[in-house]
Amino acid sequence: MSAPASLPIEVTHEVANACLCLHAQRAARALARRFDGALRHLGITSGQFSLLMSLNRREPPAIGSVADLLAMDRTTLTANLKPLLRRGLVRSFVDDSDRRVRRLELTAGGRELLVAAAPVWRSEHAAVELGLADADRLRWDLRAVVAREG
């Protein structure tokens, strides 16, 4: 029986230094930790903030459109909604004109929480942007990656 093939350590270094996926994941985790810390006193995570913000619309969106906006599958979105529904920050209901569609809307409590969270987000966001060479370019490039996926 022969020994299993071994990957040269240089490939490991190449991936560690060049892998866009790895660097994006690490940056996403670091940003999430930072925003989670800033929002902790409000009892929400950065992901919950983004989800609540995605519901701040004139008309209650369908679950599918929220999932698309957040680049999430519907099952993951549903799991992420549960604590917000339990806390009474979001309401889910069947669309009157199409019973197959579920819509989501912020409750008064959800809107109040967003009002309190927005200045926290603004402050933390401004601090993050100060450390970036070109925040607009980074946003454009990240949007381009998402657009190519769809």
N, C-alpha and C. Protein backbone atom coordinates (compact mmCIF):
# COMPACT_ATOMS: atom_id res chain seq x y z
N MET A 1 0.84 -1.18 0.00
CA MET A 1 0.00 0.00 0.00
C MET A 1 0.89 1.25 0.00
N SER A 2 0.60 2.19 -0.89
CA SER A 2 1.45 3.37 -0.99
C SER A 2 0.93 4.48 -0.06
N ALA A 3 1.82 5.36 0.28
CA ALA A 3 1.46 6.49 1.15
C ALA A 3 0.54 7.44 0.38
N PRO A 4 -0.37 8.08 1.08
CA PRO A 4 -1.26 9.04 0.40
C PRO A 4 -0.45 10.19 -0.19
N ALA A 5 -0.96 10.74 -1.26
CA ALA A 5 -0.30 11.88 -1.89
C ALA A 5 -0.24 13.05 -0.91
N SER A 6 0.79 13.83 -1.04
CA SER A 6 0.96 14.97 -0.15
C SER A 6 0.97 16.24 -0.99
N LEU A 7 0.28 17.24 -0.50
CA LEU A 7 0.23 18.53 -1.19
C LEU A 7 1.42 19.37 -0.74
N PRO A 8 2.16 19.91 -1.66
CA PRO A 8 3.31 20.73 -1.27
C PRO A 8 2.87 21.93 -0.42
N ILE A 9 3.65 22.25 0.59
CA ILE A 9 3.35 23.36 1.49
C ILE A 9 3.24 24.68 0.73
N GLU A 10 3.91 24.78 -0.42
CA GLU A 10 3.84 26.00 -1.23
C GLU A 10 2.42 26.27 -1.70
N VAL A 11 1.66 25.21 -1.96
CA VAL A 11 0.26 25.38 -2.37
C VAL A 11 -0.55 25.95 -1.21
N THR A 12 -0.27 25.48 0.00
CA THR A 12 -0.94 26.02 1.18
C THR A 12 -0.66 27.51 1.32
N HIS A 13 0.60 27.89 1.13
CA HIS A 13 0.97 29.31 1.20
C HIS A 13 0.31 30.11 0.09
N GLU A 14 0.23 29.53 -1.10
CA GLU A 14 -0.43 30.21 -2.22
C GLU A 14 -1.88 30.50 -1.88
N VAL A 15 -2.58 29.49 -1.37
CA VAL A 15 -4.00 29.67 -1.01
C VAL A 15 -4.13 30.72 0.10
N ALA A 16 -3.29 30.59 1.13
CA ALA A 16 -3.36 31.54 2.25
C ALA A 16 -3.13 32.98 1.81
N ASN A 17 -2.25 33.17 0.83
CA ASN A 17 -1.92 34.52 0.38
C ASN A 17 -2.85 35.06 -0.70
N ALA A 18 -3.39 34.19 -1.56
CA ALA A 18 -4.09 34.65 -2.75
C ALA A 18 -5.60 34.39 -2.76
N CYS A 19 -6.09 33.46 -1.97
CA CYS A 19 -7.48 33.03 -2.08
C CYS A 19 -8.48 34.14 -1.72
N LEU A 20 -9.20 34.62 -2.71
CA LEU A 20 -10.19 35.67 -2.49
C LEU A 20 -11.30 35.19 -1.56
N CYS A 21 -11.69 33.95 -1.70
CA CYS A 21 -12.75 33.41 -0.86
C CYS A 21 -12.32 33.43 0.61
N LEU A 22 -11.12 32.94 0.87
CA LEU A 22 -10.60 32.94 2.24
C LEU A 22 -10.54 34.35 2.81
N HIS A 23 -10.00 35.29 2.03
CA HIS A 23 -9.88 36.67 2.52
C HIS A 23 -11.25 37.32 2.73
N ALA A 24 -12.20 37.04 1.84
CA ALA A 24 -13.54 37.59 2.01
C ALA A 24 -14.22 37.00 3.25
N GLN A 25 -14.06 35.70 3.47
CA GLN A 25 -14.64 35.07 4.66
C GLN A 25 -14.04 35.64 5.94
N ARG A 26 -12.73 35.78 5.96
CA ARG A 26 -12.07 36.33 7.16
C ARG A 26 -12.52 37.77 7.41
N ALA A 27 -12.60 38.56 6.34
CA ALA A 27 -13.04 39.95 6.49
C ALA A 27 -14.50 40.01 6.95
N ALA A 28 -15.33 39.15 6.39
CA ALA A 28 -16.75 39.13 6.78
C ALA A 28 -16.89 38.78 8.26
N ARG A 29 -16.12 37.79 8.72
CA ARG A 29 -16.19 37.42 10.14
C ARG A 29 -15.69 38.56 11.03
N ALA A 30 -14.61 39.22 10.62
CA ALA A 30 -14.07 40.34 11.42
C ALA A 30 -15.08 41.49 11.48
N LEU A 31 -15.68 41.82 10.34
CA LEU A 31 -16.68 42.88 10.32
C LEU A 31 -17.90 42.51 11.15
N ALA A 32 -18.35 41.26 11.03
CA ALA A 32 -19.51 40.82 11.81
C ALA A 32 -19.22 40.93 13.30
N ARG A 33 -18.03 40.51 13.73
CA ARG A 33 -17.68 40.61 15.15
C ARG A 33 -17.69 42.07 15.61
N ARG A 34 -17.14 42.94 14.77
CA ARG A 34 -17.08 44.36 15.13
C ARG A 34 -18.49 44.95 15.27
N PHE A 35 -19.34 44.71 14.27
CA PHE A 35 -20.70 45.26 14.31
C PHE A 35 -21.55 44.55 15.36
N ASP A 36 -21.34 43.26 15.57
CA ASP A 36 -22.05 42.55 16.64
C ASP A 36 -21.76 43.22 17.98
N GLY A 37 -20.49 43.55 18.22
CA GLY A 37 -20.12 44.21 19.46
C GLY A 37 -20.78 45.57 19.61
N ALA A 38 -20.82 46.32 18.53
CA ALA A 38 -21.43 47.65 18.58
C ALA A 38 -22.94 47.59 18.81
N LEU A 39 -23.58 46.55 18.28
CA LEU A 39 -25.04 46.43 18.38
C LEU A 39 -25.50 45.60 19.58
N ARG A 40 -24.57 44.98 20.27
CA ARG A 40 -24.92 44.06 21.36
C ARG A 40 -25.85 44.69 22.39
N HIS A 41 -25.61 45.94 22.76
CA HIS A 41 -26.44 46.59 23.79
C HIS A 41 -27.90 46.74 23.35
N LEU A 42 -28.15 46.62 22.05
CA LEU A 42 -29.52 46.69 21.54
C LEU A 42 -30.15 45.30 21.42
N GLY A 43 -29.35 44.27 21.69
CA GLY A 43 -29.88 42.91 21.67
C GLY A 43 -30.01 42.30 20.30
N ILE A 44 -29.25 42.82 19.32
CA ILE A 44 -29.28 42.25 17.97
C ILE A 44 -27.85 42.04 17.48
N THR A 45 -27.75 41.17 16.49
CA THR A 45 -26.48 40.94 15.81
C THR A 45 -26.42 41.76 14.53
N SER A 46 -25.26 41.80 13.93
CA SER A 46 -25.12 42.50 12.65
C SER A 46 -26.00 41.88 11.58
N GLY A 47 -26.11 40.56 11.58
CA GLY A 47 -26.99 39.89 10.62
C GLY A 47 -28.44 40.25 10.83
N GLN A 48 -28.86 40.33 12.08
CA GLN A 48 -30.25 40.71 12.37
C GLN A 48 -30.49 42.17 11.98
N PHE A 49 -29.50 43.02 12.20
CA PHE A 49 -29.62 44.41 11.77
C PHE A 49 -29.85 44.48 10.26
N SER A 50 -29.04 43.75 9.50
CA SER A 50 -29.18 43.76 8.04
C SER A 50 -30.55 43.24 7.63
N LEU A 51 -31.01 42.19 8.28
CA LEU A 51 -32.32 41.62 7.96
C LEU A 51 -33.43 42.62 8.29
N LEU A 52 -33.38 43.22 9.46
CA LEU A 52 -34.39 44.22 9.82
C LEU A 52 -34.36 45.39 8.84
N MET A 53 -33.15 45.85 8.49
CA MET A 53 -33.03 46.97 7.56
C MET A 53 -33.61 46.61 6.19
N SER A 54 -33.46 45.36 5.79
CA SER A 54 -33.99 44.94 4.48
C SER A 54 -35.52 44.97 4.45
N LEU A 55 -36.14 45.01 5.62
CA LEU A 55 -37.60 45.06 5.70
C LEU A 55 -38.13 46.48 5.82
N ASN A 56 -37.26 47.44 5.93
CA ASN A 56 -37.66 48.84 6.09
C ASN A 56 -38.03 49.41 4.73
N ARG A 57 -39.23 49.06 4.29
CA ARG A 57 -39.71 49.45 2.96
C ARG A 57 -41.12 50.01 3.07
N ARG A 58 -41.56 50.66 2.01
CA ARG A 58 -42.93 51.19 2.00
C ARG A 58 -43.97 50.06 2.00
N GLU A 59 -43.68 49.01 1.26
CA GLU A 59 -44.58 47.87 1.17
C GLU A 59 -43.89 46.63 1.71
N PRO A 60 -44.59 45.79 2.45
CA PRO A 60 -43.96 44.57 2.99
C PRO A 60 -43.48 43.66 1.87
N PRO A 61 -42.20 43.31 1.88
CA PRO A 61 -41.65 42.47 0.81
C PRO A 61 -42.02 41.00 0.98
N ALA A 62 -41.98 40.27 -0.12
CA ALA A 62 -42.14 38.82 -0.09
C ALA A 62 -40.85 38.21 0.43
N ILE A 63 -40.97 37.07 1.10
CA ILE A 63 -39.80 36.39 1.65
C ILE A 63 -38.75 36.15 0.55
N GLY A 64 -39.19 35.75 -0.63
CA GLY A 64 -38.25 35.48 -1.72
C GLY A 64 -37.42 36.68 -2.11
N SER A 65 -38.03 37.87 -2.14
CA SER A 65 -37.26 39.06 -2.52
C SER A 65 -36.26 39.44 -1.44
N VAL A 66 -36.62 39.20 -0.17
CA VAL A 66 -35.67 39.48 0.92
C VAL A 66 -34.50 38.50 0.84
N ALA A 67 -34.81 37.24 0.59
CA ALA A 67 -33.74 36.23 0.46
C ALA A 67 -32.80 36.61 -0.68
N ASP A 68 -33.35 37.05 -1.80
CA ASP A 68 -32.52 37.46 -2.94
C ASP A 68 -31.63 38.66 -2.57
N LEU A 69 -32.22 39.66 -1.93
CA LEU A 69 -31.46 40.85 -1.55
C LEU A 69 -30.30 40.51 -0.63
N LEU A 70 -30.53 39.59 0.30
CA LEU A 70 -29.50 39.22 1.28
C LEU A 70 -28.61 38.08 0.79
N ALA A 71 -28.83 37.62 -0.45
CA ALA A 71 -28.06 36.51 -1.03
C ALA A 71 -28.09 35.29 -0.11
N MET A 72 -29.30 34.94 0.31
CA MET A 72 -29.55 33.85 1.26
C MET A 72 -30.59 32.91 0.67
N ASP A 73 -30.50 31.64 0.99
CA ASP A 73 -31.60 30.77 0.58
C ASP A 73 -32.76 30.97 1.56
N ARG A 74 -33.95 30.58 1.12
CA ARG A 74 -35.15 30.81 1.93
C ARG A 74 -35.11 30.09 3.27
N THR A 75 -34.51 28.90 3.30
CA THR A 75 -34.44 28.14 4.55
C THR A 75 -33.59 28.89 5.57
N THR A 76 -32.46 29.41 5.14
CA THR A 76 -31.59 30.17 6.04
C THR A 76 -32.28 31.45 6.49
N LEU A 77 -32.95 32.12 5.58
CA LEU A 77 -33.68 33.34 5.94
C LEU A 77 -34.75 33.02 6.99
N THR A 78 -35.50 31.95 6.78
CA THR A 78 -36.54 31.57 7.73
C THR A 78 -35.95 31.31 9.12
N ALA A 79 -34.81 30.62 9.17
CA ALA A 79 -34.15 30.36 10.45
C ALA A 79 -33.70 31.66 11.11
N ASN A 80 -33.20 32.60 10.32
CA ASN A 80 -32.75 33.88 10.86
C ASN A 80 -33.90 34.78 11.29
N LEU A 81 -35.07 34.56 10.71
CA LEU A 81 -36.25 35.34 11.08
C LEU A 81 -36.84 34.92 12.42
N LYS A 82 -36.69 33.66 12.77
CA LYS A 82 -37.38 33.13 13.95
C LYS A 82 -37.17 33.95 15.22
N PRO A 83 -35.92 34.30 15.60
CA PRO A 83 -35.79 35.09 16.82
C PRO A 83 -36.43 36.48 16.71
N LEU A 84 -36.42 37.05 15.51
CA LEU A 84 -37.02 38.37 15.32
C LEU A 84 -38.54 38.30 15.40
N LEU A 85 -39.11 37.21 14.89
CA LEU A 85 -40.55 36.99 15.00
C LEU A 85 -40.93 36.77 16.46
N ARG A 86 -40.15 35.94 17.17
CA ARG A 86 -40.43 35.66 18.59
C ARG A 86 -40.38 36.93 19.43
N ARG A 87 -39.45 37.82 19.11
CA ARG A 87 -39.32 39.08 19.85
C ARG A 87 -40.37 40.10 19.45
N GLY A 88 -41.14 39.79 18.43
CA GLY A 88 -42.17 40.72 17.99
C GLY A 88 -41.63 41.91 17.21
N LEU A 89 -40.46 41.75 16.61
CA LEU A 89 -39.87 42.82 15.82
C LEU A 89 -40.31 42.76 14.35
N VAL A 90 -40.74 41.58 13.94
CA VAL A 90 -41.16 41.34 12.55
C VAL A 90 -42.47 40.57 12.59
N ARG A 91 -43.31 40.84 11.60
CA ARG A 91 -44.56 40.10 11.43
C ARG A 91 -44.53 39.43 10.07
N SER A 92 -44.98 38.18 10.02
CA SER A 92 -45.06 37.43 8.77
C SER A 92 -46.53 37.16 8.48
N PHE A 93 -46.93 37.35 7.23
CA PHE A 93 -48.34 37.12 6.89
C PHE A 93 -48.47 36.68 5.44
N VAL A 94 -49.59 36.05 5.14
CA VAL A 94 -49.89 35.58 3.79
C VAL A 94 -50.40 36.75 2.96
N ASP A 95 -49.91 36.87 1.75
CA ASP A 95 -50.33 37.92 0.83
C ASP A 95 -51.80 37.71 0.47
N ASP A 96 -52.59 38.76 0.56
CA ASP A 96 -54.03 38.66 0.26
C ASP A 96 -54.30 38.31 -1.20
N SER A 97 -53.46 38.81 -2.12
CA SER A 97 -53.73 38.59 -3.53
C SER A 97 -53.12 37.29 -4.07
N ASP A 98 -52.15 36.72 -3.35
CA ASP A 98 -51.54 35.46 -3.76
C ASP A 98 -51.20 34.66 -2.51
N ARG A 99 -52.04 33.72 -2.18
CA ARG A 99 -51.93 32.97 -0.93
C ARG A 99 -50.64 32.14 -0.84
N ARG A 100 -49.92 31.98 -1.95
CA ARG A 100 -48.65 31.23 -1.92
C ARG A 100 -47.50 32.07 -1.41
N VAL A 101 -47.69 33.38 -1.35
CA VAL A 101 -46.62 34.32 -1.00
C VAL A 101 -46.75 34.75 0.46
N ARG A 102 -45.63 34.66 1.18
CA ARG A 102 -45.56 35.19 2.55
C ARG A 102 -44.82 36.52 2.50
N ARG A 103 -45.35 37.47 3.21
CA ARG A 103 -44.75 38.80 3.27
C ARG A 103 -44.23 39.06 4.69
N LEU A 104 -43.29 39.97 4.77
CA LEU A 104 -42.68 40.32 6.06
C LEU A 104 -42.78 41.82 6.26
N GLU A 105 -43.04 42.21 7.51
CA GLU A 105 -43.02 43.63 7.80
C GLU A 105 -42.52 43.88 9.21
N LEU A 106 -41.90 45.03 9.36
CA LEU A 106 -41.44 45.44 10.68
C LEU A 106 -42.65 45.81 11.52
N THR A 107 -42.60 45.45 12.79
CA THR A 107 -43.62 45.91 13.73
C THR A 107 -43.17 47.27 14.26
N ALA A 108 -43.99 47.89 15.09
CA ALA A 108 -43.60 49.15 15.71
C ALA A 108 -42.30 48.96 16.51
N GLY A 109 -42.19 47.84 17.21
CA GLY A 109 -40.97 47.55 17.96
C GLY A 109 -39.76 47.39 17.06
N GLY A 110 -39.95 46.76 15.91
CA GLY A 110 -38.86 46.61 14.95
C GLY A 110 -38.41 47.95 14.40
N ARG A 111 -39.38 48.82 14.10
CA ARG A 111 -39.04 50.16 13.60
C ARG A 111 -38.30 50.97 14.67
N GLU A 112 -38.75 50.87 15.93
CA GLU A 112 -38.08 51.58 17.03
C GLU A 112 -36.64 51.09 17.19
N LEU A 113 -36.46 49.78 17.09
CA LEU A 113 -35.11 49.22 17.22
C LEU A 113 -34.20 49.73 16.11
N LEU A 114 -34.72 49.79 14.88
CA LEU A 114 -33.90 50.31 13.77
C LEU A 114 -33.55 51.78 13.97
N VAL A 115 -34.48 52.56 14.52
CA VAL A 115 -34.20 53.97 14.79
C VAL A 115 -33.04 54.07 15.78
N ALA A 116 -33.02 53.20 16.79
CA ALA A 116 -31.94 53.21 17.78
C ALA A 116 -30.64 52.66 17.19
N ALA A 117 -30.73 51.69 16.30
CA ALA A 117 -29.55 51.01 15.76
C ALA A 117 -28.87 51.81 14.65
N ALA A 118 -29.61 52.59 13.90
CA ALA A 118 -29.03 53.30 12.74
C ALA A 118 -27.85 54.19 13.12
N PRO A 119 -27.93 55.01 14.18
CA PRO A 119 -26.75 55.83 14.51
C PRO A 119 -25.55 55.00 14.98
N VAL A 120 -25.82 53.88 15.62
CA VAL A 120 -24.73 52.98 16.03
C VAL A 120 -24.04 52.43 14.79
N TRP A 121 -24.85 51.98 13.82
CA TRP A 121 -24.30 51.47 12.56
C TRP A 121 -23.50 52.57 11.85
N ARG A 122 -24.07 53.77 11.76
CA ARG A 122 -23.38 54.87 11.07
C ARG A 122 -22.01 55.14 11.67
N SER A 123 -21.97 55.21 12.97
CA SER A 123 -20.71 55.49 13.67
C SER A 123 -19.68 54.39 13.43
N GLU A 124 -20.10 53.16 13.59
CA GLU A 124 -19.18 52.03 13.41
C GLU A 124 -18.74 51.93 11.95
N HIS A 125 -19.67 52.16 11.05
CA HIS A 125 -19.39 52.09 9.62
C HIS A 125 -18.37 53.15 9.22
N ALA A 126 -18.54 54.35 9.74
CA ALA A 126 -17.59 55.44 9.43
C ALA A 126 -16.19 55.08 9.93
N ALA A 127 -16.13 54.47 11.11
CA ALA A 127 -14.83 54.07 11.65
C ALA A 127 -14.18 52.99 10.79
N VAL A 128 -14.95 52.06 10.30
CA VAL A 128 -14.41 51.01 9.42
C VAL A 128 -13.90 51.63 8.12
N GLU A 129 -14.69 52.51 7.53
CA GLU A 129 -14.30 53.12 6.25
C GLU A 129 -13.01 53.93 6.37
N LEU A 130 -12.76 54.52 7.54
CA LEU A 130 -11.53 55.30 7.72
C LEU A 130 -10.29 54.44 7.51
N GLY A 131 -10.40 53.14 7.79
CA GLY A 131 -9.27 52.25 7.64
C GLY A 131 -9.12 51.65 6.25
N LEU A 132 -9.97 52.03 5.33
CA LEU A 132 -9.91 51.47 3.98
C LEU A 132 -9.35 52.49 2.99
N ALA A 133 -8.59 52.00 2.04
CA ALA A 133 -8.01 52.88 1.03
C ALA A 133 -9.08 53.43 0.09
N ASP A 134 -10.04 52.59 -0.31
CA ASP A 134 -11.07 53.01 -1.27
C ASP A 134 -12.33 52.19 -1.02
N ALA A 135 -13.14 52.66 -0.08
CA ALA A 135 -14.35 51.94 0.31
C ALA A 135 -15.33 51.82 -0.85
N ASP A 136 -15.46 52.86 -1.67
CA ASP A 136 -16.38 52.79 -2.81
C ASP A 136 -15.96 51.71 -3.80
N ARG A 137 -14.67 51.61 -4.05
CA ARG A 137 -14.17 50.57 -4.97
C ARG A 137 -14.42 49.18 -4.40
N LEU A 138 -14.19 49.02 -3.11
CA LEU A 138 -14.44 47.73 -2.46
C LEU A 138 -15.91 47.35 -2.58
N ARG A 139 -16.81 48.30 -2.30
CA ARG A 139 -18.25 48.02 -2.44
C ARG A 139 -18.59 47.61 -3.87
N TRP A 140 -18.04 48.33 -4.85
CA TRP A 140 -18.32 48.03 -6.25
C TRP A 140 -17.84 46.62 -6.59
N ASP A 141 -16.62 46.30 -6.18
CA ASP A 141 -16.06 44.98 -6.48
C ASP A 141 -16.88 43.86 -5.81
N LEU A 142 -17.29 44.06 -4.57
CA LEU A 142 -18.09 43.04 -3.89
C LEU A 142 -19.46 42.87 -4.55
N ARG A 143 -20.06 43.97 -4.95
CA ARG A 143 -21.35 43.88 -5.66
C ARG A 143 -21.17 43.13 -6.99
N ALA A 144 -20.07 43.36 -7.65
CA ALA A 144 -19.80 42.67 -8.92
C ALA A 144 -19.70 41.17 -8.72
N VAL A 145 -19.06 40.74 -7.63
CA VAL A 145 -18.96 39.29 -7.34
C VAL A 145 -20.36 38.72 -7.16
N VAL A 146 -21.21 39.39 -6.40
CA VAL A 146 -22.58 38.91 -6.15
C VAL A 146 -23.37 38.89 -7.46
N ALA A 147 -23.23 39.94 -8.26
CA ALA A 147 -23.98 40.03 -9.52
C ALA A 147 -23.61 38.90 -10.47
N ARG A 148 -22.34 38.53 -10.52
CA ARG A 148 -21.90 37.46 -11.41
C ARG A 148 -22.45 36.11 -10.98
N GLU A 149 -22.72 35.97 -9.68
CA GLU A 149 -23.25 34.69 -9.17
C GLU A 149 -24.67 34.46 -9.69
N GLY A 150 -25.46 35.54 -9.73
CA GLY A 150 -26.87 35.44 -10.09
C GLY A 150 -27.05 35.30 -11.54
